[in-house]
Amino acid sequence: MKLRLTLNGTARQLDVHPMRRLLDVLRADLALTGSKEGCGEGECGACTVLIDGEPVNSCLVPVAQAADHEVVTVEHLADEALMSDVQAALVEFGGTQCGICTPGIAVCATVALEREPDASRERLRELLAGNLCRCTGYQLIIDALADAQAARAAAARGHGAERGTGHPGATAS
């Protein structure tokens, strides 16, 4: 079946079985391997992508459900070879560990920081509740997001966008 969708800003036409999982089409057919399969049951969030701006578990979505919609994967968060601010903060703060959960967390965190730029640490934890991580204990992830959040706020106030000054043990320059 031929389906049309916008994928990472580009109109695409796919000839796939409509009930194949979106995750499988992204990874196997389109070579977008950033989204990971953690559980295959929609419980872990590792496969999170955006459909029309809303985070969804791509392991639960038949590709036909994405037809005529805009799909954004973790690959589209960054500009070319540069990581997004959220991705860079996750790496800097050690919030990536094994990496299975990282793509889904990066996608969800990006949306969370855009929608609620003043979210408290507690609220950030709530906004990421659908993403499971077995390695970090979440503290490093929340530290990273708080740092990215502070850098965005500073940039909005015109004070530059220097990141990393909130990391435990980091020194301000």
N, C-alpha and C. Protein backbone atom coordinates (compact mmCIF):
# COMPACT_ATOMS: atom_id res chain seq x y z
N MET A 1 0.86 -1.18 0.00
CA MET A 1 0.00 0.00 0.00
C MET A 1 0.90 1.24 0.00
N LYS A 2 0.55 2.21 -0.78
CA LYS A 2 1.30 3.45 -0.84
C LYS A 2 0.73 4.42 0.19
N LEU A 3 1.66 4.94 1.02
CA LEU A 3 1.29 5.90 2.06
C LEU A 3 2.15 7.13 1.90
N ARG A 4 1.58 8.28 2.22
CA ARG A 4 2.33 9.53 2.20
C ARG A 4 2.41 10.07 3.62
N LEU A 5 3.58 10.61 3.94
CA LEU A 5 3.76 11.28 5.22
C LEU A 5 4.90 12.26 5.08
N THR A 6 5.01 13.14 6.02
CA THR A 6 6.15 14.04 6.08
C THR A 6 7.06 13.50 7.16
N LEU A 7 8.28 13.17 6.79
CA LEU A 7 9.23 12.57 7.71
C LEU A 7 10.42 13.50 7.88
N ASN A 8 10.58 13.99 9.09
CA ASN A 8 11.69 14.91 9.39
C ASN A 8 11.77 16.06 8.40
N GLY A 9 10.59 16.59 8.06
CA GLY A 9 10.51 17.76 7.20
C GLY A 9 10.47 17.48 5.72
N THR A 10 10.56 16.23 5.31
CA THR A 10 10.57 15.87 3.90
C THR A 10 9.36 15.01 3.56
N ALA A 11 8.65 15.38 2.50
CA ALA A 11 7.50 14.57 2.05
C ALA A 11 8.04 13.24 1.52
N ARG A 12 7.42 12.17 1.98
CA ARG A 12 7.85 10.82 1.59
C ARG A 12 6.64 10.02 1.15
N GLN A 13 6.87 9.12 0.20
CA GLN A 13 5.85 8.16 -0.18
C GLN A 13 6.45 6.78 0.07
N LEU A 14 5.71 5.96 0.79
CA LEU A 14 6.18 4.63 1.16
C LEU A 14 5.26 3.58 0.57
N ASP A 15 5.83 2.49 0.15
CA ASP A 15 5.04 1.36 -0.32
C ASP A 15 5.28 0.23 0.67
N VAL A 16 4.44 0.18 1.70
CA VAL A 16 4.62 -0.77 2.81
C VAL A 16 3.27 -1.34 3.22
N HIS A 17 3.32 -2.45 3.93
CA HIS A 17 2.08 -3.00 4.50
C HIS A 17 1.58 -2.01 5.55
N PRO A 18 0.33 -1.62 5.51
CA PRO A 18 -0.18 -0.58 6.41
C PRO A 18 -0.15 -0.95 7.90
N MET A 19 -0.10 -2.24 8.21
CA MET A 19 -0.11 -2.63 9.62
C MET A 19 1.29 -2.87 10.20
N ARG A 20 2.32 -2.66 9.38
CA ARG A 20 3.67 -2.76 9.94
C ARG A 20 3.86 -1.67 10.97
N ARG A 21 4.63 -1.97 11.98
CA ARG A 21 4.88 -0.97 13.01
C ARG A 21 5.71 0.18 12.43
N LEU A 22 5.36 1.38 12.82
CA LEU A 22 6.11 2.56 12.40
C LEU A 22 7.58 2.40 12.76
N LEU A 23 7.88 1.87 13.93
CA LEU A 23 9.26 1.66 14.35
C LEU A 23 10.02 0.81 13.34
N ASP A 24 9.43 -0.27 12.88
CA ASP A 24 10.10 -1.16 11.93
C ASP A 24 10.32 -0.48 10.58
N VAL A 25 9.35 0.28 10.13
CA VAL A 25 9.50 1.00 8.87
C VAL A 25 10.62 2.03 8.98
N LEU A 26 10.65 2.76 10.08
CA LEU A 26 11.70 3.76 10.28
C LEU A 26 13.08 3.10 10.28
N ARG A 27 13.23 2.05 11.07
CA ARG A 27 14.54 1.43 11.24
C ARG A 27 14.96 0.60 10.02
N ALA A 28 14.10 -0.30 9.56
CA ALA A 28 14.48 -1.25 8.51
C ALA A 28 14.37 -0.67 7.10
N ASP A 29 13.31 0.05 6.83
CA ASP A 29 13.08 0.53 5.47
C ASP A 29 13.73 1.88 5.20
N LEU A 30 13.79 2.72 6.20
CA LEU A 30 14.27 4.09 6.01
C LEU A 30 15.64 4.36 6.64
N ALA A 31 16.22 3.35 7.28
CA ALA A 31 17.55 3.44 7.90
C ALA A 31 17.66 4.55 8.94
N LEU A 32 16.55 4.88 9.59
CA LEU A 32 16.55 5.83 10.70
C LEU A 32 16.59 5.00 11.98
N THR A 33 17.78 4.68 12.43
CA THR A 33 17.95 3.73 13.53
C THR A 33 18.08 4.40 14.89
N GLY A 34 17.84 5.69 14.97
CA GLY A 34 17.93 6.37 16.26
C GLY A 34 16.90 5.87 17.25
N SER A 35 15.68 5.72 16.82
CA SER A 35 14.63 5.20 17.70
C SER A 35 14.93 3.74 17.99
N LYS A 36 14.88 3.36 19.24
CA LYS A 36 15.24 2.00 19.65
C LYS A 36 14.02 1.22 20.09
N GLU A 37 14.11 -0.10 19.94
CA GLU A 37 13.07 -0.95 20.51
C GLU A 37 13.58 -1.43 21.85
N GLY A 38 12.92 -0.98 22.89
CA GLY A 38 13.28 -1.42 24.23
C GLY A 38 12.42 -2.59 24.67
N CYS A 39 11.11 -2.38 24.64
CA CYS A 39 10.21 -3.41 25.16
C CYS A 39 9.25 -3.94 24.10
N GLY A 40 8.95 -3.15 23.08
CA GLY A 40 8.01 -3.56 22.05
C GLY A 40 6.57 -3.55 22.52
N GLU A 41 6.32 -3.01 23.70
CA GLU A 41 4.97 -3.01 24.28
C GLU A 41 4.49 -1.61 24.66
N GLY A 42 5.22 -0.58 24.30
CA GLY A 42 4.81 0.78 24.63
C GLY A 42 5.02 1.17 26.07
N GLU A 43 5.86 0.44 26.78
CA GLU A 43 6.06 0.71 28.20
C GLU A 43 7.32 1.51 28.51
N CYS A 44 8.33 1.46 27.61
CA CYS A 44 9.63 2.03 27.98
C CYS A 44 9.92 3.39 27.36
N GLY A 45 9.33 3.73 26.23
CA GLY A 45 9.54 5.03 25.61
C GLY A 45 10.78 5.14 24.73
N ALA A 46 11.58 4.08 24.60
CA ALA A 46 12.81 4.15 23.81
C ALA A 46 12.54 4.45 22.34
N CYS A 47 11.37 4.10 21.86
CA CYS A 47 11.04 4.26 20.44
C CYS A 47 10.23 5.52 20.17
N THR A 48 10.18 6.44 21.11
CA THR A 48 9.34 7.62 20.97
C THR A 48 9.72 8.47 19.76
N VAL A 49 8.71 8.83 19.00
CA VAL A 49 8.82 9.79 17.90
C VAL A 49 7.67 10.78 18.07
N LEU A 50 7.68 11.82 17.27
CA LEU A 50 6.58 12.78 17.30
C LEU A 50 5.71 12.58 16.07
N ILE A 51 4.41 12.54 16.28
CA ILE A 51 3.46 12.58 15.18
C ILE A 51 2.63 13.83 15.39
N ASP A 52 2.76 14.74 14.43
CA ASP A 52 2.11 16.05 14.53
C ASP A 52 2.43 16.72 15.87
N GLY A 53 3.68 16.58 16.31
CA GLY A 53 4.15 17.25 17.51
C GLY A 53 3.86 16.53 18.81
N GLU A 54 3.19 15.40 18.76
CA GLU A 54 2.84 14.66 19.97
C GLU A 54 3.73 13.43 20.11
N PRO A 55 4.33 13.22 21.27
CA PRO A 55 5.14 12.02 21.47
C PRO A 55 4.29 10.75 21.44
N VAL A 56 4.75 9.76 20.68
CA VAL A 56 4.07 8.46 20.60
C VAL A 56 5.12 7.36 20.61
N ASN A 57 4.72 6.21 21.09
CA ASN A 57 5.58 5.03 21.05
C ASN A 57 5.42 4.39 19.68
N SER A 58 6.46 4.49 18.87
CA SER A 58 6.35 4.02 17.49
C SER A 58 6.23 2.51 17.38
N CYS A 59 6.50 1.79 18.46
CA CYS A 59 6.33 0.33 18.43
C CYS A 59 4.85 -0.05 18.49
N LEU A 60 3.99 0.88 18.85
CA LEU A 60 2.56 0.61 18.95
C LEU A 60 1.75 1.18 17.78
N VAL A 61 2.42 1.93 16.92
CA VAL A 61 1.71 2.64 15.87
C VAL A 61 1.85 1.93 14.53
N PRO A 62 0.73 1.48 13.95
CA PRO A 62 0.80 0.96 12.58
C PRO A 62 1.18 2.12 11.65
N VAL A 63 2.04 1.87 10.69
CA VAL A 63 2.51 2.94 9.81
C VAL A 63 1.34 3.65 9.13
N ALA A 64 0.25 2.95 8.86
CA ALA A 64 -0.92 3.58 8.24
C ALA A 64 -1.46 4.72 9.09
N GLN A 65 -1.29 4.63 10.40
CA GLN A 65 -1.77 5.69 11.30
C GLN A 65 -0.96 6.97 11.14
N ALA A 66 0.25 6.86 10.63
CA ALA A 66 1.10 8.03 10.41
C ALA A 66 0.89 8.65 9.03
N ALA A 67 0.10 7.99 8.18
CA ALA A 67 -0.14 8.50 6.83
C ALA A 67 -0.77 9.89 6.90
N ASP A 68 -0.29 10.76 6.03
CA ASP A 68 -0.78 12.14 5.93
C ASP A 68 -0.51 12.96 7.19
N HIS A 69 0.48 12.54 7.97
CA HIS A 69 0.87 13.27 9.17
C HIS A 69 2.36 13.60 9.11
N GLU A 70 2.78 14.44 10.03
CA GLU A 70 4.19 14.80 10.15
C GLU A 70 4.83 13.94 11.24
N VAL A 71 5.87 13.20 10.87
CA VAL A 71 6.60 12.35 11.80
C VAL A 71 8.00 12.94 11.98
N VAL A 72 8.41 13.07 13.24
CA VAL A 72 9.74 13.58 13.55
C VAL A 72 10.43 12.55 14.43
N THR A 73 11.65 12.18 14.03
CA THR A 73 12.45 11.22 14.80
C THR A 73 13.59 11.94 15.51
N VAL A 74 14.29 11.23 16.36
CA VAL A 74 15.42 11.80 17.08
C VAL A 74 16.48 12.36 16.14
N GLU A 75 16.59 11.78 14.96
CA GLU A 75 17.58 12.26 13.99
C GLU A 75 17.33 13.71 13.59
N HIS A 76 16.10 14.17 13.70
CA HIS A 76 15.75 15.52 13.25
C HIS A 76 15.89 16.57 14.36
N LEU A 77 16.23 16.15 15.57
CA LEU A 77 16.39 17.11 16.66
C LEU A 77 17.60 18.01 16.47
N ALA A 78 18.62 17.47 15.82
CA ALA A 78 19.88 18.18 15.67
C ALA A 78 20.00 18.78 14.27
N ASP A 79 20.89 19.75 14.14
CA ASP A 79 21.21 20.33 12.84
C ASP A 79 22.44 19.62 12.30
N GLU A 80 22.24 18.90 11.21
CA GLU A 80 23.30 18.15 10.53
C GLU A 80 24.11 17.33 11.53
N ALA A 81 25.38 17.65 11.73
CA ALA A 81 26.25 16.83 12.59
C ALA A 81 26.26 17.30 14.04
N LEU A 82 25.59 18.39 14.35
CA LEU A 82 25.60 18.93 15.70
C LEU A 82 24.43 18.40 16.51
N MET A 83 24.70 18.07 17.76
CA MET A 83 23.62 17.62 18.64
C MET A 83 22.78 18.82 19.06
N SER A 84 21.53 18.55 19.40
CA SER A 84 20.68 19.60 19.95
C SER A 84 21.17 19.91 21.36
N ASP A 85 20.67 20.98 21.93
CA ASP A 85 21.07 21.34 23.29
C ASP A 85 20.70 20.25 24.30
N VAL A 86 19.55 19.64 24.10
CA VAL A 86 19.12 18.56 25.00
C VAL A 86 20.03 17.35 24.86
N GLN A 87 20.33 16.96 23.63
CA GLN A 87 21.22 15.82 23.41
C GLN A 87 22.60 16.08 23.99
N ALA A 88 23.14 17.27 23.75
CA ALA A 88 24.47 17.62 24.26
C ALA A 88 24.49 17.60 25.79
N ALA A 89 23.44 18.10 26.41
CA ALA A 89 23.38 18.10 27.87
C ALA A 89 23.31 16.67 28.41
N LEU A 90 22.54 15.82 27.76
CA LEU A 90 22.46 14.42 28.21
C LEU A 90 23.83 13.76 28.16
N VAL A 91 24.58 14.02 27.10
CA VAL A 91 25.93 13.45 26.98
C VAL A 91 26.85 14.04 28.04
N GLU A 92 26.84 15.36 28.17
CA GLU A 92 27.73 16.04 29.11
C GLU A 92 27.50 15.60 30.56
N PHE A 93 26.27 15.40 30.93
CA PHE A 93 25.95 15.08 32.31
C PHE A 93 25.94 13.58 32.59
N GLY A 94 26.24 12.78 31.59
CA GLY A 94 26.25 11.33 31.79
C GLY A 94 24.86 10.73 31.86
N GLY A 95 23.90 11.40 31.23
CA GLY A 95 22.53 10.92 31.24
C GLY A 95 22.24 9.97 30.09
N THR A 96 23.30 9.43 29.48
CA THR A 96 23.09 8.55 28.33
C THR A 96 23.40 7.10 28.65
N GLN A 97 24.37 6.84 29.45
CA GLN A 97 24.77 5.49 29.86
C GLN A 97 24.72 4.50 28.70
N CYS A 98 23.86 3.49 28.71
CA CYS A 98 23.86 2.47 27.65
C CYS A 98 23.29 3.00 26.34
N GLY A 99 22.45 4.01 26.40
CA GLY A 99 21.93 4.65 25.19
C GLY A 99 20.61 4.15 24.65
N ILE A 100 20.09 3.06 25.18
CA ILE A 100 18.83 2.54 24.65
C ILE A 100 17.69 3.53 24.86
N CYS A 101 17.59 4.12 26.02
CA CYS A 101 16.49 5.03 26.32
C CYS A 101 16.72 6.45 25.80
N THR A 102 17.97 6.79 25.49
CA THR A 102 18.34 8.17 25.17
C THR A 102 17.53 8.80 24.04
N PRO A 103 17.31 8.12 22.91
CA PRO A 103 16.54 8.77 21.85
C PRO A 103 15.14 9.17 22.28
N GLY A 104 14.45 8.28 22.96
CA GLY A 104 13.10 8.59 23.42
C GLY A 104 13.09 9.70 24.44
N ILE A 105 14.06 9.69 25.34
CA ILE A 105 14.17 10.76 26.35
C ILE A 105 14.47 12.08 25.67
N ALA A 106 15.37 12.08 24.69
CA ALA A 106 15.71 13.32 23.99
C ALA A 106 14.49 13.91 23.28
N VAL A 107 13.71 13.06 22.64
CA VAL A 107 12.50 13.52 21.94
C VAL A 107 11.50 14.09 22.95
N CYS A 108 11.21 13.32 24.00
CA CYS A 108 10.24 13.78 25.00
C CYS A 108 10.71 15.02 25.74
N ALA A 109 11.99 15.05 26.08
CA ALA A 109 12.53 16.20 26.81
C ALA A 109 12.50 17.46 25.96
N THR A 110 12.77 17.33 24.68
CA THR A 110 12.72 18.48 23.79
C THR A 110 11.32 19.08 23.77
N VAL A 111 10.32 18.22 23.64
CA VAL A 111 8.94 18.69 23.65
C VAL A 111 8.59 19.29 25.01
N ALA A 112 9.01 18.62 26.08
CA ALA A 112 8.70 19.11 27.43
C ALA A 112 9.29 20.50 27.67
N LEU A 113 10.54 20.72 27.28
CA LEU A 113 11.17 22.02 27.50
C LEU A 113 10.57 23.10 26.60
N GLU A 114 10.08 22.72 25.43
CA GLU A 114 9.42 23.70 24.57
C GLU A 114 8.06 24.09 25.12
N ARG A 115 7.32 23.12 25.63
CA ARG A 115 5.97 23.38 26.12
C ARG A 115 5.94 23.99 27.51
N GLU A 116 6.89 23.57 28.34
CA GLU A 116 6.93 24.06 29.72
C GLU A 116 8.35 24.50 30.07
N PRO A 117 8.77 25.65 29.53
CA PRO A 117 10.15 26.09 29.73
C PRO A 117 10.51 26.38 31.18
N ASP A 118 9.53 26.60 32.02
CA ASP A 118 9.79 26.89 33.44
C ASP A 118 9.47 25.71 34.36
N ALA A 119 9.37 24.52 33.79
CA ALA A 119 9.00 23.35 34.59
C ALA A 119 10.02 23.11 35.71
N SER A 120 9.51 22.76 36.86
CA SER A 120 10.39 22.40 37.98
C SER A 120 11.01 21.04 37.71
N ARG A 121 12.02 20.69 38.50
CA ARG A 121 12.63 19.37 38.37
C ARG A 121 11.58 18.28 38.58
N GLU A 122 10.70 18.49 39.54
CA GLU A 122 9.64 17.50 39.80
C GLU A 122 8.73 17.37 38.58
N ARG A 123 8.41 18.50 37.97
CA ARG A 123 7.55 18.47 36.79
C ARG A 123 8.27 17.81 35.61
N LEU A 124 9.57 18.06 35.46
CA LEU A 124 10.33 17.40 34.40
C LEU A 124 10.27 15.88 34.58
N ARG A 125 10.37 15.43 35.82
CA ARG A 125 10.26 13.98 36.08
C ARG A 125 8.89 13.46 35.63
N GLU A 126 7.84 14.22 35.92
CA GLU A 126 6.49 13.82 35.51
C GLU A 126 6.37 13.78 33.99
N LEU A 127 6.94 14.78 33.32
CA LEU A 127 6.85 14.85 31.87
C LEU A 127 7.60 13.72 31.18
N LEU A 128 8.59 13.15 31.86
CA LEU A 128 9.37 12.05 31.30
C LEU A 128 8.96 10.69 31.87
N ALA A 129 7.85 10.65 32.56
CA ALA A 129 7.44 9.43 33.25
C ALA A 129 7.25 8.24 32.32
N GLY A 130 7.00 8.45 31.06
CA GLY A 130 6.81 7.35 30.12
C GLY A 130 8.11 6.79 29.55
N ASN A 131 9.23 7.31 30.03
CA ASN A 131 10.54 6.87 29.55
C ASN A 131 11.28 6.16 30.68
N LEU A 132 11.56 4.89 30.46
CA LEU A 132 12.27 4.11 31.47
C LEU A 132 13.76 4.07 31.17
N CYS A 133 14.55 4.19 32.23
CA CYS A 133 16.01 4.11 32.12
C CYS A 133 16.48 3.21 33.25
N ARG A 134 17.24 2.20 32.90
CA ARG A 134 17.73 1.27 33.92
C ARG A 134 19.13 1.59 34.38
N CYS A 135 19.78 2.56 33.75
CA CYS A 135 21.19 2.81 34.03
C CYS A 135 21.45 4.02 34.92
N THR A 136 20.73 5.11 34.71
CA THR A 136 21.15 6.38 35.32
C THR A 136 20.49 6.70 36.65
N GLY A 137 19.39 6.08 36.97
CA GLY A 137 18.67 6.49 38.17
C GLY A 137 17.95 7.81 37.98
N TYR A 138 17.92 8.34 36.77
CA TYR A 138 17.20 9.54 36.36
C TYR A 138 17.81 10.85 36.84
N GLN A 139 18.58 10.86 37.91
CA GLN A 139 19.11 12.12 38.42
C GLN A 139 19.97 12.83 37.39
N LEU A 140 20.84 12.09 36.71
CA LEU A 140 21.71 12.69 35.70
C LEU A 140 20.89 13.23 34.53
N ILE A 141 19.81 12.56 34.20
CA ILE A 141 18.93 13.02 33.12
C ILE A 141 18.27 14.33 33.52
N ILE A 142 17.74 14.38 34.72
CA ILE A 142 17.08 15.61 35.19
C ILE A 142 18.10 16.74 35.33
N ASP A 143 19.30 16.45 35.81
CA ASP A 143 20.36 17.47 35.88
C ASP A 143 20.64 18.04 34.50
N ALA A 144 20.74 17.16 33.50
CA ALA A 144 21.02 17.59 32.13
C ALA A 144 19.90 18.48 31.61
N LEU A 145 18.65 18.07 31.84
CA LEU A 145 17.53 18.86 31.34
C LEU A 145 17.43 20.20 32.04
N ALA A 146 17.71 20.22 33.33
CA ALA A 146 17.69 21.48 34.08
C ALA A 146 18.77 22.42 33.53
N ASP A 147 19.92 21.87 33.16
CA ASP A 147 20.98 22.69 32.60
C ASP A 147 20.58 23.24 31.23
N ALA A 148 20.02 22.40 30.38
CA ALA A 148 19.56 22.86 29.06
C ALA A 148 18.46 23.91 29.23
N GLN A 149 17.60 23.71 30.20
CA GLN A 149 16.52 24.64 30.50
C GLN A 149 17.09 26.00 30.93
N ALA A 150 18.09 25.98 31.81
CA ALA A 150 18.72 27.22 32.28
C ALA A 150 19.43 27.94 31.14
N ALA A 151 20.09 27.19 30.26
CA ALA A 151 20.77 27.80 29.13
C ALA A 151 19.78 28.45 28.18
N ARG A 152 18.65 27.78 27.95
CA ARG A 152 17.61 28.36 27.10
C ARG A 152 17.06 29.63 27.71
N ALA A 153 16.84 29.62 29.02
CA ALA A 153 16.31 30.81 29.70
C ALA A 153 17.31 31.96 29.61
N ALA A 154 18.59 31.66 29.81
CA ALA A 154 19.63 32.70 29.71
C ALA A 154 19.69 33.27 28.30
N ALA A 155 19.59 32.41 27.31
CA ALA A 155 19.61 32.86 25.91
C ALA A 155 18.41 33.75 25.62
N ALA A 156 17.26 33.39 26.16
CA ALA A 156 16.05 34.18 25.95
C ALA A 156 16.17 35.56 26.59
N ARG A 157 16.94 35.63 27.69
CA ARG A 157 17.15 36.93 28.36
C ARG A 157 18.29 37.70 27.71
N GLY A 158 18.96 37.09 26.73
CA GLY A 158 20.05 37.76 26.05
C GLY A 158 21.38 37.64 26.74
N HIS A 159 21.51 36.64 27.62
CA HIS A 159 22.76 36.45 28.36
C HIS A 159 23.61 35.34 27.78
N GLY A 160 23.39 35.00 26.52
CA GLY A 160 24.17 33.92 25.91
C GLY A 160 23.54 32.58 26.22
N ALA A 161 24.06 31.57 25.58
CA ALA A 161 23.50 30.23 25.74
C ALA A 161 24.56 29.26 26.20
N GLU A 162 25.47 29.73 27.06
CA GLU A 162 26.53 28.85 27.52
C GLU A 162 25.96 27.80 28.44
N ARG A 163 26.23 26.54 28.08
CA ARG A 163 25.74 25.42 28.86
C ARG A 163 26.85 24.89 29.72
N GLY A 164 26.48 24.05 30.64
CA GLY A 164 27.46 23.30 31.40
C GLY A 164 27.80 23.89 32.75
N THR A 165 27.35 25.09 33.03
CA THR A 165 27.74 25.71 34.30
C THR A 165 26.96 25.17 35.47
N GLY A 166 25.89 24.40 35.20
CA GLY A 166 25.11 23.85 36.30
C GLY A 166 25.52 22.44 36.69
N HIS A 167 26.48 21.87 35.99
CA HIS A 167 26.91 20.49 36.27
C HIS A 167 27.64 20.44 37.60
N PRO A 168 27.29 19.46 38.43
CA PRO A 168 28.01 19.33 39.69
C PRO A 168 29.51 19.21 39.44
N GLY A 169 30.25 20.10 40.04
CA GLY A 169 31.69 20.08 39.89
C GLY A 169 32.19 20.96 38.75
N ALA A 170 31.28 21.47 37.93
CA ALA A 170 31.71 22.35 36.84
C ALA A 170 31.94 23.74 37.38
N THR A 171 32.81 24.46 36.75
CA THR A 171 33.07 25.82 37.18
C THR A 171 32.56 26.79 36.14
N ALA A 172 32.01 27.87 36.60
CA ALA A 172 31.52 28.90 35.66
C ALA A 172 32.72 29.63 35.08
N SER A 173 32.62 29.98 33.81
CA SER A 173 33.75 30.68 33.18
C SER A 173 33.53 32.16 33.16
